[in-house]
Amino acid sequence: MRNTLINGFPFRFETVTDVVGQYLMLEVENVPYSYLSEYTRAVAKPDAAAVRQAWAAAMVLPQWLVVVGPPTLEKALAKLNRGPVLVVPAKRFLESGK
């Protein structure tokens, strides 16, 4: 994934419109222009352990896992051990919105 992000970065600047879009995004988000020159170095910097640590710190388990789909999903999703599972049939969801 890291190589995909790094190697794909130059393609963000293929056309004049792309270049303008990149700088416009920085202006709108109030991000310094140095973001563009530092991007590939910043993406390449963390190793797998740092990524796992950041993921663990950011991962907050939901109180409920709510899925719209067939009731048969409930048993399979419960095996994920991510908390209580509620499967809402698609027809009910489409008819009631909840």
Protein backbone atom coordinates (compact mmCIF):
# COMPACT_ATOMS: atom_id res chain seq x y z
CA MET A 1 0.00 0.00 0.00
CA ARG A 2 2.81 2.36 0.86
CA ASN A 3 4.39 1.89 -2.58
CA THR A 4 1.03 2.45 -4.25
CA LEU A 5 0.63 5.78 -2.45
CA ILE A 6 4.19 6.88 -3.18
CA ASN A 7 4.32 5.73 -6.81
CA GLY A 8 0.86 7.09 -7.56
CA PHE A 9 1.61 10.54 -6.12
CA PRO A 10 3.05 12.04 -9.36
CA PHE A 11 -0.17 11.15 -11.19
CA ARG A 12 -1.96 13.73 -9.05
CA PHE A 13 -0.23 16.34 -11.23
CA GLU A 14 -0.81 15.02 -14.76
CA THR A 15 -2.77 18.00 -16.03
CA VAL A 16 -2.95 21.70 -15.25
CA THR A 17 -6.36 21.06 -13.73
CA ASP A 18 -4.86 18.40 -11.45
CA VAL A 19 -2.13 20.78 -10.27
CA VAL A 20 -4.61 23.55 -9.59
CA GLY A 21 -6.82 21.08 -7.73
CA GLN A 22 -3.96 20.01 -5.46
CA TYR A 23 -3.09 23.59 -4.55
CA LEU A 24 -6.74 24.53 -4.16
CA MET A 25 -7.21 21.66 -1.71
CA LEU A 26 -4.27 22.96 0.33
CA GLU A 27 -5.70 26.48 0.35
CA VAL A 28 -9.20 25.36 1.35
CA GLU A 29 -7.87 23.11 4.12
CA ASN A 30 -5.27 25.72 5.21
CA VAL A 31 -2.42 23.23 4.75
CA PRO A 32 1.10 24.56 4.01
CA TYR A 33 2.43 23.99 0.48
CA SER A 34 5.31 22.00 1.99
CA TYR A 35 2.80 19.15 2.39
CA LEU A 36 3.30 18.34 -1.29
CA SER A 37 7.09 18.23 -1.10
CA GLU A 38 7.08 16.18 2.11
CA TYR A 39 4.26 13.76 1.21
CA THR A 40 6.24 10.80 -0.15
CA ARG A 41 8.85 11.02 2.61
CA ALA A 42 6.13 11.11 5.28
CA VAL A 43 4.31 8.13 3.77
CA ALA A 44 7.55 6.11 3.58
CA LYS A 45 8.63 6.89 7.14
CA PRO A 46 6.50 4.67 9.45
CA ASP A 47 7.31 0.98 9.65
CA ALA A 48 4.76 -1.80 10.14
CA ALA A 49 5.04 -1.65 13.93
CA ALA A 50 4.25 2.08 13.95
CA VAL A 51 1.24 1.54 11.69
CA ARG A 52 -0.07 -1.24 13.97
CA GLN A 53 0.42 0.98 17.02
CA ALA A 54 -1.44 3.89 15.43
CA TRP A 55 -4.26 1.58 14.31
CA ALA A 56 -4.62 0.11 17.81
CA ALA A 57 -4.73 3.59 19.35
CA ALA A 58 -7.33 4.81 16.88
CA MET A 59 -9.49 1.67 16.87
CA VAL A 60 -12.58 2.16 18.99
CA LEU A 61 -14.99 -0.71 19.03
CA PRO A 62 -18.61 0.27 18.48
CA GLN A 63 -21.24 -0.55 21.08
CA TRP A 64 -23.25 -2.29 18.36
CA LEU A 65 -22.56 -3.58 14.88
CA VAL A 66 -25.64 -2.81 12.80
CA VAL A 67 -25.85 -4.36 9.34
CA VAL A 68 -28.54 -4.18 6.70
CA GLY A 69 -28.85 -7.55 5.01
CA PRO A 70 -30.18 -11.06 5.37
CA PRO A 71 -30.69 -12.42 8.90
CA THR A 72 -28.24 -15.23 8.11
CA LEU A 73 -25.40 -12.70 8.50
CA GLU A 74 -25.95 -12.38 12.22
CA LYS A 75 -24.26 -15.66 13.17
CA ALA A 76 -21.21 -15.03 10.94
CA LEU A 77 -20.80 -11.43 12.15
CA ALA A 78 -21.08 -12.49 15.80
CA LYS A 79 -17.91 -14.56 15.27
CA LEU A 80 -15.97 -11.31 14.76
CA ASN A 81 -16.31 -10.59 18.49
CA ARG A 82 -16.91 -6.88 17.91
CA GLY A 83 -19.81 -6.60 20.31
CA PRO A 84 -23.52 -7.20 19.91
CA VAL A 85 -24.77 -7.61 16.35
CA LEU A 86 -28.09 -6.38 14.97
CA VAL A 87 -28.99 -7.43 11.44
CA VAL A 88 -31.82 -5.41 9.91
CA PRO A 89 -33.52 -7.04 6.92
CA ALA A 90 -33.10 -4.91 3.79
CA LYS A 91 -36.85 -4.81 3.10
CA ARG A 92 -37.60 -3.47 6.60
CA PHE A 93 -34.85 -0.88 6.31
CA LEU A 94 -36.03 0.30 2.90
CA GLU A 95 -39.64 0.51 4.05
CA SER A 96 -39.05 2.18 7.42
CA GLY A 97 -35.58 3.71 7.21
CA LYS A 98 -34.61 2.02 10.49
